[in-house]
Amino acid sequence: MKTTTLNAGPASSAAEPKQDSRQGGKRKTSRINRFMVSPSVLVLALWMVIPLSMTIYFSVIRYNLLYPADNEFVGLENFQFFVTDFGFMAGMSNTLLLVGAVLLITVVLGVLISLLVNQAFWGRGIVRILLISPFFIMPTVNALIWKNLLLHPVSGVFAAIWKFFGATPIDWFSEFPLFSIIMIVSWQWLPFAILLLMTALQSLDQEQQEAARLDGAGPWALFFHLTLPHLARPIAVVVMIETIFLLSIFAEIFTTTGGGPGYETTNLAYLIYSQALLQFDVGLASAGGLIAVVLANIAAFFLVRLIGKSLTEKQ
């Protein structure tokens, strides 16, 4: 019995030029793509590298705006002075307390209010718009509204309510300064949480809820076993985004309390501002800025890792 062998040489040799041409076309397209993207990448790199380089340079020299000629190299002295200063520990504790309290208030009230406005009632659309609208107010305007219209000890709305019930009005920014800042910032960021959570509730499976009700599940069981697990992802997104922005709260503190009394409402952002523009110590403020950047990146890293892991596990 004879066997015939087929020679595949010409076919394979004919396919090689086609494959080479495809690879050459891909390389050419890749070079064109890199060339088109390179201007924006270069501008972005300069926009990040130049300020960072200047901040690092100023952080290792003694540079005060009142004495610009005295700018000798001091190494890590600015970092040591900033970390050992009493204002640093006060700023750190106030920052953590402010971020934690605002997150707790916005998440808890956001879930409750979203559940309320998710029910059908007359004028629900108008109520939703009113709930979301504070988020679009500028932080400085938001602080002025609370300072002059709501929390003013003489002509504020809260003072009028206190007088109506025969109580003595409270000077909020003197007696409870940090709590006042927490109220202002929470009112600003609560609509953001409501918007995300209210949107997430629209995709909640109603048939699953009806089946649970038929099986005898009550409101608390529905909330803890169906609604809350469904809101886990949007709550994680709210926590991550709000934390990144709340670490740099400044306008509300600057407009209302000026970081006082003492250091009671001074966070890291306001402490750096006071070192740079109130005490004119650019070197010390630059060191503080780098420390704040490192701390913010550490917090963002762990938030992204933890929340990203929880999101992938739920998929």
Protein backbone atom coordinates (compact mmCIF):
# COMPACT_ATOMS: atom_id res chain seq x y z
CA MET A 1 0.00 0.00 0.00
CA LYS A 2 1.40 3.33 -1.05
CA THR A 3 1.14 6.53 0.91
CA THR A 4 1.37 9.95 -0.60
CA THR A 5 2.81 12.89 1.33
CA LEU A 6 1.52 16.35 0.62
CA ASN A 7 4.04 19.12 0.43
CA ALA A 8 2.79 22.13 2.46
CA GLY A 9 5.82 24.25 1.70
CA PRO A 10 4.32 26.62 -0.89
CA ALA A 11 1.16 27.21 1.16
CA SER A 12 3.08 28.01 4.34
CA SER A 13 5.51 30.23 2.48
CA ALA A 14 2.58 32.11 0.94
CA ALA A 15 1.01 32.64 4.38
CA GLU A 16 4.20 34.05 5.90
CA PRO A 17 4.18 37.32 3.88
CA LYS A 18 0.53 37.91 4.83
CA GLN A 19 1.36 37.36 8.49
CA ASP A 20 4.36 39.69 8.26
CA SER A 21 2.25 42.35 6.60
CA ARG A 22 -0.36 42.11 9.36
CA GLN A 23 2.31 42.45 12.06
CA GLY A 24 3.83 45.39 10.21
CA GLY A 25 0.43 47.07 10.01
CA LYS A 26 -0.13 46.55 13.75
CA ARG A 27 3.26 48.03 14.56
CA LYS A 28 2.55 51.02 12.35
CA THR A 29 -0.86 51.55 13.97
CA SER A 30 0.71 51.28 17.41
CA ARG A 31 3.32 53.93 16.52
CA ILE A 32 0.61 56.25 15.21
CA ASN A 33 -1.46 55.77 18.36
CA ARG A 34 1.53 56.54 20.57
CA PHE A 35 2.32 59.63 18.49
CA MET A 36 -1.27 60.91 18.78
CA VAL A 37 -1.42 60.34 22.55
CA SER A 38 2.08 61.66 23.35
CA PRO A 39 1.20 65.42 23.46
CA SER A 40 -1.52 64.95 26.09
CA VAL A 41 0.68 62.55 28.08
CA LEU A 42 3.55 65.05 27.96
CA VAL A 43 1.33 67.93 29.12
CA LEU A 44 -0.11 65.78 31.92
CA ALA A 45 3.37 64.70 33.01
CA LEU A 46 4.63 68.30 33.09
CA TRP A 47 1.48 69.38 34.94
CA MET A 48 2.25 66.79 37.64
CA VAL A 49 6.04 66.68 37.69
CA ILE A 50 6.82 70.42 37.77
CA PRO A 51 4.67 71.28 40.85
CA LEU A 52 5.82 68.12 42.62
CA SER A 53 9.46 68.89 41.90
CA MET A 54 9.09 72.46 43.16
CA THR A 55 7.34 71.22 46.31
CA ILE A 56 10.14 68.73 46.99
CA TYR A 57 12.74 71.47 46.40
CA PHE A 58 11.09 73.93 48.79
CA SER A 59 10.58 71.23 51.43
CA VAL A 60 14.34 70.70 51.89
CA ILE A 61 15.30 74.38 52.17
CA ARG A 62 14.51 77.07 54.72
CA TYR A 63 12.34 79.43 52.68
CA ASN A 64 10.22 82.11 54.31
CA LEU A 65 8.50 84.77 52.23
CA LEU A 66 9.53 87.41 54.76
CA TYR A 67 13.21 86.46 54.37
CA PRO A 68 13.59 85.26 50.77
CA ALA A 69 17.39 85.53 50.81
CA ASP A 70 17.67 83.03 53.67
CA ASN A 71 17.14 79.80 51.74
CA GLU A 72 19.90 77.40 52.78
CA PHE A 73 19.54 73.65 52.55
CA VAL A 74 18.11 72.07 55.73
CA GLY A 75 17.39 68.50 54.62
CA LEU A 76 14.59 66.84 56.58
CA GLU A 77 14.38 69.54 59.23
CA ASN A 78 11.07 70.89 57.84
CA PHE A 79 9.51 67.42 57.94
CA GLN A 80 10.68 66.85 61.51
CA PHE A 81 9.37 70.22 62.66
CA PHE A 82 6.00 69.70 60.95
CA VAL A 83 5.45 66.22 62.40
CA THR A 84 6.50 67.17 65.93
CA ASP A 85 4.42 70.35 65.96
CA PHE A 86 1.29 70.25 68.17
CA GLY A 87 -0.84 71.39 65.24
CA PHE A 88 0.02 68.25 63.26
CA MET A 89 -1.53 65.84 65.76
CA ALA A 90 -4.54 68.11 66.19
CA GLY A 91 -4.92 68.37 62.41
CA MET A 92 -4.62 64.59 61.99
CA SER A 93 -7.21 63.83 64.67
CA ASN A 94 -9.61 66.47 63.36
CA THR A 95 -9.21 65.18 59.80
CA LEU A 96 -9.95 61.58 60.81
CA LEU A 97 -12.87 62.62 63.01
CA LEU A 98 -14.32 64.84 60.28
CA VAL A 99 -14.02 62.18 57.58
CA GLY A 100 -15.39 59.39 59.78
CA ALA A 101 -18.35 61.40 61.09
CA VAL A 102 -19.35 62.71 57.65
CA LEU A 103 -19.12 59.21 56.15
CA LEU A 104 -21.29 57.77 58.93
CA ILE A 105 -23.92 60.51 58.62
CA THR A 106 -24.09 60.48 54.82
CA VAL A 107 -24.24 56.69 54.49
CA VAL A 108 -26.83 56.10 57.24
CA LEU A 109 -29.08 59.03 56.32
CA GLY A 110 -28.49 58.37 52.62
CA VAL A 111 -29.82 54.82 52.94
CA LEU A 112 -32.83 55.86 55.04
CA ILE A 113 -33.81 58.82 52.85
CA SER A 114 -33.32 56.78 49.66
CA LEU A 115 -35.67 54.13 51.00
CA LEU A 116 -38.27 56.80 51.83
CA VAL A 117 -38.18 58.55 48.46
CA ASN A 118 -38.19 55.19 46.67
CA GLN A 119 -41.82 54.79 47.76
CA ALA A 120 -44.58 56.09 45.52
CA PHE A 121 -46.16 59.36 46.73
CA TRP A 122 -47.45 62.60 45.25
CA GLY A 123 -44.65 65.04 44.32
CA ARG A 124 -41.88 62.46 44.52
CA GLY A 125 -40.00 63.98 41.58
CA ILE A 126 -39.92 67.44 43.18
CA VAL A 127 -38.75 65.97 46.49
CA ARG A 128 -35.92 64.12 44.75
CA ILE A 129 -34.74 67.29 43.01
CA LEU A 130 -34.81 69.21 46.30
CA LEU A 131 -32.82 66.48 48.04
CA ILE A 132 -30.12 66.45 45.37
CA SER A 133 -29.85 70.23 44.88
CA PRO A 134 -27.51 71.02 47.87
CA PHE A 135 -24.76 69.02 46.18
CA PHE A 136 -24.55 71.63 43.40
CA ILE A 137 -24.01 74.56 45.79
CA MET A 138 -20.42 75.80 45.99
CA PRO A 139 -18.69 74.94 49.29
CA THR A 140 -18.09 78.61 50.17
CA VAL A 141 -21.75 79.51 49.57
CA ASN A 142 -22.79 76.44 51.54
CA ALA A 143 -20.65 77.56 54.50
CA LEU A 144 -22.00 81.12 54.35
CA ILE A 145 -25.61 79.85 54.34
CA TRP A 146 -25.00 77.83 57.50
CA LYS A 147 -22.93 80.55 59.16
CA ASN A 148 -25.24 83.52 58.57
CA LEU A 149 -28.72 82.05 58.02
CA LEU A 150 -28.87 78.89 60.12
CA LEU A 151 -26.27 78.83 62.91
CA HIS A 152 -25.96 82.55 63.70
CA PRO A 153 -26.51 82.97 67.47
CA VAL A 154 -28.63 86.13 67.05
CA SER A 155 -30.43 86.05 63.70
CA GLY A 156 -30.12 82.38 62.68
CA VAL A 157 -32.95 79.93 62.19
CA PHE A 158 -31.70 77.66 64.97
CA ALA A 159 -31.53 80.65 67.34
CA ALA A 160 -35.16 81.50 66.51
CA ILE A 161 -36.22 77.92 67.26
CA TRP A 162 -34.35 77.98 70.57
CA LYS A 163 -36.00 81.30 71.53
CA PHE A 164 -39.43 79.96 70.55
CA PHE A 165 -39.09 77.15 73.10
CA GLY A 166 -37.66 79.51 75.73
CA ALA A 167 -34.09 78.25 75.54
CA THR A 168 -30.87 80.24 75.20
CA PRO A 169 -29.50 80.23 71.63
CA ILE A 170 -26.22 78.38 71.10
CA ASP A 171 -23.16 79.98 69.57
CA TRP A 172 -22.38 76.91 67.52
CA PHE A 173 -19.00 77.95 66.12
CA SER A 174 -17.70 78.84 69.57
CA GLU A 175 -19.19 76.03 71.67
CA PHE A 176 -19.33 73.18 69.13
CA PRO A 177 -16.99 74.23 66.30
CA LEU A 178 -16.04 70.82 64.89
CA PHE A 179 -19.60 69.52 65.16
CA SER A 180 -20.74 72.60 63.19
CA ILE A 181 -18.23 71.84 60.43
CA ILE A 182 -19.42 68.22 60.36
CA MET A 183 -23.02 69.39 59.94
CA ILE A 184 -22.08 71.74 57.09
CA VAL A 185 -20.01 69.18 55.20
CA SER A 186 -22.59 66.41 55.76
CA TRP A 187 -25.34 68.61 54.33
CA GLN A 188 -23.12 69.20 51.29
CA TRP A 189 -22.31 65.52 50.66
CA LEU A 190 -25.55 63.83 51.74
CA PRO A 191 -27.21 64.48 48.32
CA PHE A 192 -24.34 62.65 46.61
CA ALA A 193 -25.01 59.54 48.69
CA ILE A 194 -28.76 59.87 48.13
CA LEU A 195 -28.26 60.15 44.37
CA LEU A 196 -26.18 56.98 44.09
CA LEU A 197 -28.24 54.93 46.54
CA MET A 198 -31.56 56.09 45.10
CA THR A 199 -30.37 55.11 41.62
CA ALA A 200 -29.26 51.70 42.88
CA LEU A 201 -32.67 51.06 44.45
CA GLN A 202 -34.28 51.42 41.03
CA SER A 203 -32.61 48.16 39.96
CA LEU A 204 -33.73 46.18 43.02
CA ASP A 205 -35.62 43.05 41.98
CA GLN A 206 -39.26 43.64 42.96
CA GLU A 207 -40.28 40.05 42.20
CA GLN A 208 -37.74 38.79 44.71
CA GLN A 209 -39.16 41.14 47.33
CA GLU A 210 -42.72 40.00 46.59
CA ALA A 211 -41.64 36.38 46.91
CA ALA A 212 -40.00 37.14 50.26
CA ARG A 213 -43.18 38.87 51.49
CA LEU A 214 -45.25 35.85 50.49
CA ASP A 215 -42.87 33.67 52.50
CA GLY A 216 -43.59 35.80 55.57
CA ALA A 217 -40.56 38.12 55.58
CA GLY A 218 -41.12 41.37 57.45
CA PRO A 219 -39.72 44.86 56.71
CA TRP A 220 -36.56 44.32 58.77
CA ALA A 221 -35.84 40.97 57.12
CA LEU A 222 -36.37 42.49 53.68
CA PHE A 223 -34.02 45.34 54.53
CA PHE A 224 -31.17 43.28 56.01
CA HIS A 225 -31.33 40.32 53.61
CA LEU A 226 -32.32 41.95 50.30
CA THR A 227 -32.03 45.74 50.28
CA LEU A 228 -28.79 46.20 52.22
CA PRO A 229 -26.81 43.55 50.29
CA HIS A 230 -28.06 45.14 47.07
CA LEU A 231 -26.76 48.54 48.24
CA ALA A 232 -23.32 47.20 49.25
CA ARG A 233 -21.63 48.27 46.00
CA PRO A 234 -23.01 51.83 45.84
CA ILE A 235 -22.22 52.29 49.54
CA ALA A 236 -18.64 51.21 48.83
CA VAL A 237 -18.42 53.72 45.97
CA VAL A 238 -19.84 56.49 48.19
CA VAL A 239 -17.29 55.74 50.92
CA MET A 240 -14.35 55.68 48.51
CA ILE A 241 -15.20 58.87 46.61
CA GLU A 242 -16.24 60.86 49.67
CA THR A 243 -13.11 59.87 51.59
CA ILE A 244 -10.84 61.12 48.81
CA PHE A 245 -12.58 64.51 48.72
CA LEU A 246 -13.14 64.89 52.47
CA LEU A 247 -9.43 64.59 53.19
CA SER A 248 -8.94 67.99 51.53
CA ILE A 249 -11.87 69.95 53.06
CA PHE A 250 -10.84 73.61 53.27
CA ALA A 251 -13.45 76.16 52.14
CA GLU A 252 -15.95 75.36 54.90
CA ILE A 253 -13.31 75.74 57.63
CA PHE A 254 -11.81 78.90 56.12
CA THR A 255 -15.21 80.58 55.75
CA THR A 256 -16.64 79.75 59.18
CA THR A 257 -14.11 79.11 61.96
CA GLY A 258 -10.70 79.88 60.46
CA GLY A 259 -9.37 76.68 62.02
CA GLY A 260 -10.26 77.81 65.54
CA PRO A 261 -10.83 78.20 68.34
CA GLY A 262 -7.19 77.21 68.69
CA TYR A 263 -6.73 74.03 66.66
CA GLU A 264 -10.23 72.63 67.27
CA THR A 265 -11.30 72.74 63.60
CA THR A 266 -7.87 72.69 61.95
CA ASN A 267 -7.41 69.79 59.58
CA LEU A 268 -4.29 68.98 57.55
CA ALA A 269 -5.37 71.07 54.57
CA TYR A 270 -5.99 74.15 56.68
CA LEU A 271 -2.78 73.59 58.67
CA ILE A 272 -0.74 73.61 55.45
CA TYR A 273 -2.54 76.77 54.32
CA SER A 274 -1.80 78.50 57.64
CA GLN A 275 1.88 77.59 57.43
CA ALA A 276 2.21 78.86 53.85
CA LEU A 277 0.01 81.97 53.68
CA LEU A 278 -0.43 83.02 57.31
CA GLN A 279 3.05 82.30 58.64
CA PHE A 280 4.73 82.67 55.21
CA ASP A 281 6.84 79.53 55.79
CA VAL A 282 6.85 77.98 52.33
CA GLY A 283 9.44 75.33 53.24
CA LEU A 284 7.45 74.02 56.18
CA ALA A 285 4.19 74.12 54.21
CA SER A 286 5.80 72.20 51.34
CA ALA A 287 6.95 69.50 53.76
CA GLY A 288 3.44 69.33 55.19
CA GLY A 289 1.98 69.09 51.70
CA LEU A 290 4.20 66.12 50.85
CA ILE A 291 3.25 64.41 54.12
CA ALA A 292 -0.43 64.99 53.36
CA VAL A 293 0.01 63.58 49.83
CA VAL A 294 1.68 60.45 51.21
CA LEU A 295 -1.07 59.93 53.81
CA ALA A 296 -3.82 60.50 51.22
CA ASN A 297 -2.22 58.01 48.83
CA ILE A 298 -1.92 55.41 51.59
CA ALA A 299 -5.60 55.87 52.46
CA ALA A 300 -6.60 55.72 48.78
CA PHE A 301 -4.49 52.60 48.23
CA PHE A 302 -6.15 50.67 51.05
CA LEU A 303 -9.60 51.94 50.10
CA VAL A 304 -9.19 50.87 46.49
CA ARG A 305 -7.79 47.48 47.53
CA LEU A 306 -10.48 46.74 50.11
CA ILE A 307 -13.44 48.10 48.18
CA GLY A 308 -12.21 46.72 44.86
CA LYS A 309 -11.79 43.30 46.44
CA SER A 310 -15.29 43.39 47.88
CA LEU A 311 -16.73 44.45 44.52
CA THR A 312 -14.99 41.65 42.61
CA GLU A 313 -16.06 39.08 45.17
CA LYS A 314 -19.72 40.06 44.70
CA GLN A 315 -19.60 39.66 40.91
